Amino acid sequence: MTVWGKCLESSAFWWRSKMEMQQVRYFISVAKLLNFTRAAEECNVTQPALTRAIKLLEYELGGDLIRREGRHTHLTDLGNKMLPMLRQCHEAALAAKSLAKAVSQGDVSTLSIAVARSLDSALVMGPLQEMYPAFPGIQIKLKRGSASEIAAMLKSGEADIALGGSLGETWDRLEAWPMFSESFGLVVGSGHALAMRNDVDLDVELIREEQFLLFSGLDLTEYERERLGTAGINLNSAHEVDSSRDMEALLTAGFGIALAPTHVLRAANVHYLKLSTLDLTRTVAVYTVAGRPRPREAGALLNLLRCTDWSYLHALGEAVH
């Protein structure tokens, strides 16, 4: 468990009231100054009030935190052990209060975006950069998932907006705005034996024994898998990866051939192959939930995505095929 988790679990009592939070603040001040009089001045309370508050805190914790021996004040062993945790919890409480105030004033807002694993995040970066100046206090949460996971995130409200291929979902509240259609291609690392053959249409026999790589969560229908099998692509034992960076790394290391949408994996160290019998396309859309209040930020991103000219992606597909 994290320190923060332990803090919440083992020290939940001081969240009960403002007074108990003050007890922690007073203790932190005494621990810093090692002087009750100066700590009382710093906390703007009387010394007896500060002393009583710390005694209550010690009672709650079941032991002395501070020992006073004449003019010499020092922390006990328990005090030294509790100080870091108490300080963290006090800082977290102040941060939570500050965040709550900012949210209530509209200074901070969260935009949760779910993106299919087989989509390049660059697709959404341009629109996000364009809208960011209008929402300087925005907190962006970018999440990845399969089609079913993205649908679940939209249903639960975990995502405000999503980008992906078909979600395979018949939920009547799911709104979809198609952005573009694209084909799939075969990709190899530059060191692969087939990398030098990308100027001619490949013979299916050349790839039948190859190990394939696939984006995890790429939901293909049984019919699509059968068509890919006819094209010499067997995905039954394919490697699966969650990101294009991992896909590129495996290709570069020579782990096989990837089946990937034509807008991803455009690095110099990979090559797309031409295979006329590969006929697989998908439509990428932006999704929201009808009837649910949409944050201003989600509305702005939706409009920008719908207004974007995606024709350059079609050119990439033509270059492959």
Protein backbone atom coordinates (compact mmCIF):
# COMPACT_ATOMS: atom_id res chain seq x y z
CA MET A 1 0.00 0.00 0.00
CA THR A 2 1.26 3.52 -0.74
CA VAL A 3 2.15 5.95 2.05
CA TRP A 4 -0.92 7.96 1.07
CA GLY A 5 -3.09 4.86 1.38
CA LYS A 6 -1.62 4.07 4.79
CA CYS A 7 -2.18 7.66 5.79
CA LEU A 8 -5.86 7.44 4.96
CA GLU A 9 -6.31 3.98 6.45
CA SER A 10 -4.43 4.24 9.72
CA SER A 11 -5.07 7.89 10.48
CA ALA A 12 -8.64 8.42 9.33
CA PHE A 13 -9.66 9.84 12.70
CA TRP A 14 -8.25 13.31 12.10
CA TRP A 15 -10.40 13.83 9.04
CA ARG A 16 -13.50 13.88 11.25
CA SER A 17 -13.42 17.58 12.06
CA LYS A 18 -11.63 20.83 11.48
CA MET A 19 -10.37 20.72 15.08
CA GLU A 20 -8.57 17.41 14.56
CA MET A 21 -6.86 18.77 11.45
CA GLN A 22 -5.69 21.71 13.56
CA GLN A 23 -4.18 19.28 16.06
CA VAL A 24 -2.00 17.91 13.29
CA ARG A 25 -1.03 21.43 12.17
CA TYR A 26 -0.04 22.39 15.72
CA PHE A 27 2.07 19.26 16.13
CA ILE A 28 3.90 19.92 12.83
CA SER A 29 4.68 23.46 13.97
CA VAL A 30 6.06 22.32 17.34
CA ALA A 31 8.09 19.59 15.62
CA LYS A 32 9.62 22.23 13.37
CA LEU A 33 10.34 24.90 16.00
CA LEU A 34 10.77 22.67 19.10
CA ASN A 35 9.29 25.52 21.10
CA PHE A 36 5.67 25.69 22.26
CA THR A 37 5.59 29.47 22.62
CA ARG A 38 6.91 30.16 19.13
CA ALA A 39 4.69 27.42 17.66
CA ALA A 40 1.62 29.01 19.28
CA GLU A 41 2.59 32.37 17.76
CA GLU A 42 3.07 30.79 14.34
CA CYS A 43 -0.34 29.08 14.54
CA ASN A 44 -1.98 32.24 15.92
CA VAL A 45 -3.37 30.52 19.03
CA THR A 46 -2.65 30.70 22.74
CA GLN A 47 -0.04 28.35 24.13
CA PRO A 48 -2.53 26.55 26.42
CA ALA A 49 -4.85 25.93 23.45
CA LEU A 50 -1.96 24.53 21.42
CA THR A 51 -0.85 22.32 24.31
CA ARG A 52 -4.38 20.95 24.82
CA ALA A 53 -4.74 20.16 21.10
CA ILE A 54 -1.48 18.23 21.02
CA LYS A 55 -2.46 16.32 24.18
CA LEU A 56 -5.70 15.29 22.44
CA LEU A 57 -3.72 14.13 19.41
CA GLU A 58 -1.39 12.12 21.65
CA TYR A 59 -4.42 10.54 23.32
CA GLU A 60 -5.83 9.52 19.92
CA LEU A 61 -2.48 8.02 18.88
CA GLY A 62 -1.95 6.28 22.21
CA GLY A 63 1.41 7.75 23.15
CA ASP A 64 3.51 10.86 23.69
CA LEU A 65 4.66 12.68 20.57
CA ILE A 66 6.65 15.46 22.25
CA ARG A 67 8.71 15.44 25.44
CA ARG A 68 9.43 18.66 27.36
CA GLU A 69 12.41 18.52 29.73
CA GLY A 70 12.80 22.01 31.10
CA ARG A 71 13.79 24.23 28.21
CA HIS A 72 14.65 21.23 26.09
CA THR A 73 11.80 20.08 23.82
CA HIS A 74 12.23 17.10 21.51
CA LEU A 75 10.18 14.51 19.64
CA THR A 76 9.71 11.06 21.10
CA ASP A 77 10.33 7.95 19.04
CA LEU A 78 6.60 7.84 18.22
CA GLY A 79 6.68 11.52 17.29
CA ASN A 80 9.57 11.00 14.88
CA LYS A 81 7.82 8.06 13.27
CA MET A 82 4.46 9.81 12.94
CA LEU A 83 5.78 13.17 11.72
CA PRO A 84 6.31 12.24 8.02
CA MET A 85 2.88 10.64 7.75
CA LEU A 86 1.12 13.45 9.59
CA ARG A 87 2.88 16.02 7.42
CA GLN A 88 1.84 14.20 4.23
CA CYS A 89 -1.77 13.97 5.35
CA HIS A 90 -1.85 17.63 6.31
CA GLU A 91 -0.43 18.65 2.93
CA ALA A 92 -2.91 16.36 1.16
CA ALA A 93 -5.80 17.92 3.07
CA LEU A 94 -4.66 21.41 2.09
CA ALA A 95 -4.29 20.32 -1.54
CA ALA A 96 -7.76 18.74 -1.52
CA LYS A 97 -9.27 21.91 -0.08
CA SER A 98 -7.50 24.03 -2.69
CA LEU A 99 -8.63 21.73 -5.51
CA ALA A 100 -12.23 21.70 -4.28
CA LYS A 101 -12.25 25.50 -4.21
CA ALA A 102 -10.79 25.70 -7.72
CA VAL A 103 -13.34 23.22 -9.08
CA SER A 104 -16.25 25.06 -7.44
CA GLN A 105 -15.02 28.29 -9.03
CA GLY A 106 -14.65 26.66 -12.43
CA ASP A 107 -10.86 27.10 -12.49
CA VAL A 108 -10.13 23.37 -12.81
CA SER A 109 -11.95 20.82 -14.95
CA THR A 110 -11.25 17.28 -16.10
CA LEU A 111 -11.55 15.93 -19.63
CA SER A 112 -11.43 12.13 -19.84
CA ILE A 113 -10.66 10.75 -23.29
CA ALA A 114 -10.71 7.05 -24.16
CA VAL A 115 -8.64 6.06 -27.21
CA ALA A 116 -8.44 2.66 -28.89
CA ARG A 117 -5.04 0.99 -28.49
CA SER A 118 -4.73 0.70 -32.27
CA LEU A 119 -5.05 4.47 -32.76
CA ASP A 120 -2.10 6.84 -32.80
CA SER A 121 -2.54 9.45 -30.05
CA ALA A 122 -1.26 12.04 -32.55
CA LEU A 123 -4.78 12.05 -34.01
CA VAL A 124 -6.09 13.87 -30.96
CA MET A 125 -3.02 15.99 -30.14
CA GLY A 126 -3.69 18.67 -32.76
CA PRO A 127 -7.26 19.39 -31.61
CA LEU A 128 -6.16 19.29 -27.96
CA GLN A 129 -3.39 21.81 -28.62
CA GLU A 130 -5.86 24.05 -30.41
CA MET A 131 -8.38 24.06 -27.57
CA TYR A 132 -5.91 24.20 -24.67
CA PRO A 133 -5.50 28.01 -24.59
CA ALA A 134 -9.26 28.35 -24.07
CA PHE A 135 -9.17 25.98 -21.07
CA PRO A 136 -5.85 26.62 -19.29
CA GLY A 137 -7.02 24.90 -16.09
CA ILE A 138 -7.97 21.65 -17.81
CA GLN A 139 -6.80 18.29 -16.48
CA ILE A 140 -6.59 15.72 -19.27
CA LYS A 141 -6.99 12.01 -18.59
CA LEU A 142 -6.06 9.95 -21.66
CA LYS A 143 -7.05 6.30 -21.35
CA ARG A 144 -6.49 3.32 -23.62
CA GLY A 145 -8.72 0.33 -24.10
CA SER A 146 -10.25 -2.29 -26.35
CA ALA A 147 -13.60 -1.71 -28.06
CA SER A 148 -15.51 -3.30 -25.19
CA GLU A 149 -13.47 -1.44 -22.57
CA ILE A 150 -14.08 1.89 -24.30
CA ALA A 151 -17.82 1.21 -24.47
CA ALA A 152 -17.79 0.40 -20.76
CA MET A 153 -15.91 3.61 -19.96
CA LEU A 154 -18.49 5.66 -21.85
CA LYS A 155 -21.40 3.90 -20.16
CA SER A 156 -19.98 4.35 -16.66
CA GLY A 157 -19.04 7.99 -17.22
CA GLU A 158 -15.35 7.21 -16.82
CA ALA A 159 -14.80 8.75 -20.27
CA ASP A 160 -16.41 11.94 -21.60
CA ILE A 161 -15.47 11.24 -25.19
CA ALA A 162 -13.85 8.36 -27.08
CA LEU A 163 -12.08 7.60 -30.35
CA GLY A 164 -11.98 4.19 -31.94
CA GLY A 165 -13.20 1.82 -34.59
CA SER A 166 -16.49 -0.02 -34.24
CA LEU A 167 -17.29 -0.58 -30.58
CA GLY A 168 -19.54 -3.52 -31.39
CA GLU A 169 -22.15 -1.90 -29.17
CA THR A 170 -25.90 -1.52 -29.81
CA TRP A 171 -26.56 0.81 -26.85
CA ASP A 172 -29.13 3.33 -28.09
CA ARG A 173 -27.52 6.21 -26.18
CA LEU A 174 -24.19 5.81 -27.95
CA GLU A 175 -23.59 8.66 -30.41
CA ALA A 176 -21.00 8.18 -33.16
CA TRP A 177 -19.57 10.67 -35.65
CA PRO A 178 -17.41 8.98 -38.32
CA MET A 179 -14.09 10.76 -38.86
CA PHE A 180 -12.37 8.69 -41.54
CA SER A 181 -12.02 5.22 -43.00
CA GLU A 182 -8.68 3.51 -43.39
CA SER A 183 -7.20 0.25 -44.56
CA PHE A 184 -4.84 -2.11 -42.78
CA GLY A 185 -1.35 -2.97 -43.95
CA LEU A 186 1.46 -5.38 -43.19
CA VAL A 187 4.52 -3.88 -41.52
CA VAL A 188 8.04 -5.22 -40.97
CA GLY A 189 11.19 -3.85 -39.40
CA SER A 190 13.80 -2.42 -41.76
CA GLY A 191 16.06 -5.41 -41.07
CA HIS A 192 13.45 -7.99 -42.09
CA ALA A 193 14.13 -10.02 -45.23
CA LEU A 194 10.86 -8.79 -46.77
CA ALA A 195 11.64 -5.11 -46.20
CA MET A 196 13.38 -4.84 -49.58
CA ARG A 197 10.42 -6.34 -51.45
CA ASN A 198 7.92 -3.56 -50.80
CA ASP A 199 7.94 -2.32 -54.39
CA VAL A 200 6.15 -5.43 -55.65
CA ASP A 201 3.00 -7.24 -54.63
CA LEU A 202 3.93 -9.97 -52.18
CA ASP A 203 3.25 -13.61 -52.78
CA VAL A 204 1.01 -14.99 -50.03
CA GLU A 205 3.34 -17.96 -49.63
CA LEU A 206 6.10 -15.64 -48.39
CA ILE A 207 4.17 -14.76 -45.24
CA ARG A 208 2.29 -17.94 -44.39
CA GLU A 209 4.95 -19.11 -41.93
CA GLU A 210 5.59 -15.69 -40.41
CA GLN A 211 4.80 -14.79 -36.80
CA PHE A 212 2.34 -11.90 -36.69
CA LEU A 213 1.91 -8.99 -34.29
CA LEU A 214 -1.41 -7.41 -33.43
CA PHE A 215 -2.70 -4.57 -31.29
CA SER A 216 -4.42 -6.06 -28.24
CA GLY A 217 -8.11 -5.29 -28.18
CA LEU A 218 -8.35 -5.10 -31.98
CA ASP A 219 -11.74 -6.79 -32.22
CA LEU A 220 -11.96 -8.58 -35.55
CA THR A 221 -15.07 -10.49 -36.58
CA GLU A 222 -14.89 -14.17 -37.45
CA TYR A 223 -15.52 -13.24 -41.08
CA GLU A 224 -12.59 -10.81 -41.07
CA ARG A 225 -10.30 -13.41 -39.54
CA GLU A 226 -11.35 -15.90 -42.23
CA ARG A 227 -10.54 -13.36 -44.94
CA LEU A 228 -7.17 -12.68 -43.36
CA GLY A 229 -6.51 -16.41 -43.23
CA THR A 230 -7.21 -16.60 -46.96
CA ALA A 231 -4.62 -13.85 -47.42
CA GLY A 232 -2.06 -15.94 -45.54
CA ILE A 233 -2.37 -14.13 -42.23
CA ASN A 234 -2.82 -16.44 -39.24
CA LEU A 235 -3.57 -14.48 -36.08
CA ASN A 236 -4.25 -17.42 -33.78
CA SER A 237 -0.81 -17.20 -32.13
CA ALA A 238 -0.06 -13.54 -32.84
CA HIS A 239 1.97 -11.45 -30.42
CA GLU A 240 -0.23 -8.76 -28.83
CA VAL A 241 0.93 -5.30 -27.78
CA ASP A 242 -0.79 -2.31 -26.17
CA SER A 243 1.00 0.56 -27.91
CA SER A 244 2.50 1.52 -31.25
CA ARG A 245 5.85 2.13 -29.52
CA ASP A 246 5.92 -1.47 -28.30
CA MET A 247 4.85 -2.66 -31.74
CA GLU A 248 7.68 -0.72 -33.36
CA ALA A 249 10.18 -2.13 -30.85
CA LEU A 250 9.16 -5.73 -31.57
CA LEU A 251 9.26 -5.16 -35.32
CA THR A 252 12.70 -3.58 -35.13
CA ALA A 253 13.90 -6.53 -33.05
CA GLY A 254 12.69 -8.91 -35.78
CA PHE A 255 9.73 -10.52 -34.01
CA GLY A 256 7.65 -10.87 -37.17
CA ILE A 257 5.12 -8.97 -39.27
CA ALA A 258 2.49 -6.59 -37.91
CA LEU A 259 -1.08 -6.16 -39.06
CA ALA A 260 -1.73 -2.49 -38.42
CA PRO A 261 -3.87 0.46 -39.54
CA THR A 262 -2.07 2.50 -42.16
CA HIS A 263 -1.92 5.70 -40.09
CA VAL A 264 0.29 4.20 -37.38
CA LEU A 265 3.90 2.98 -37.43
CA ARG A 266 5.18 5.63 -39.83
CA ALA A 267 8.73 5.54 -38.43
CA ALA A 268 11.78 5.30 -40.67
CA ASN A 269 12.82 1.95 -39.22
CA VAL A 270 9.68 0.10 -40.39
CA HIS A 271 8.28 -0.66 -43.85
CA TYR A 272 4.78 -1.33 -45.12
CA LEU A 273 4.35 -4.25 -47.52
CA LYS A 274 2.00 -4.48 -50.47
CA LEU A 275 -0.39 -7.42 -50.46
CA SER A 276 -3.31 -7.06 -52.86
CA THR A 277 -5.26 -9.91 -51.25
CA LEU A 278 -5.34 -8.03 -47.94
CA ASP A 279 -8.68 -6.22 -48.01
CA LEU A 280 -9.44 -5.03 -44.49
CA THR A 281 -10.77 -1.58 -43.64
CA ARG A 282 -12.36 0.14 -40.68
CA THR A 283 -14.13 3.41 -39.92
CA VAL A 284 -12.79 5.45 -37.03
CA ALA A 285 -15.33 7.55 -35.15
CA VAL A 286 -15.61 9.86 -32.17
CA TYR A 287 -18.13 8.68 -29.57
CA THR A 288 -20.15 10.37 -26.84
CA VAL A 289 -23.24 9.51 -24.80
CA ALA A 290 -26.57 11.05 -25.79
CA GLY A 291 -28.60 12.71 -23.06
CA ARG A 292 -25.64 13.12 -20.70
CA PRO A 293 -24.47 16.65 -19.81
CA ARG A 294 -21.32 17.20 -21.83
CA PRO A 295 -18.45 19.21 -20.32
CA ARG A 296 -17.55 22.31 -22.32
CA GLU A 297 -14.12 20.86 -22.97
CA ALA A 298 -15.58 17.64 -24.39
CA GLY A 299 -17.89 19.66 -26.63
CA ALA A 300 -14.98 21.75 -27.91
CA LEU A 301 -12.88 18.66 -28.63
CA LEU A 302 -15.80 16.96 -30.39
CA ASN A 303 -16.30 19.96 -32.68
CA LEU A 304 -12.60 20.20 -33.51
CA LEU A 305 -12.35 16.48 -34.31
CA ARG A 306 -15.39 16.66 -36.56
CA CYS A 307 -13.99 19.69 -38.38
CA THR A 308 -10.53 18.20 -38.95
CA ASP A 309 -9.56 17.35 -42.53
CA TRP A 310 -8.47 13.71 -42.37
CA SER A 311 -7.85 13.35 -46.12
CA TYR A 312 -4.09 13.05 -45.57
CA LEU A 313 -4.71 9.67 -43.94
CA HIS A 314 -6.30 8.43 -47.16
CA ALA A 315 -3.10 9.39 -48.96
CA LEU A 316 -1.11 7.25 -46.53
CA GLY A 317 -3.32 4.28 -47.29
CA GLU A 318 -2.93 4.80 -51.02
CA ALA A 319 0.86 4.86 -50.60
CA VAL A 320 0.73 1.44 -48.95
CA HIS A 321 -1.63 -0.17 -51.43
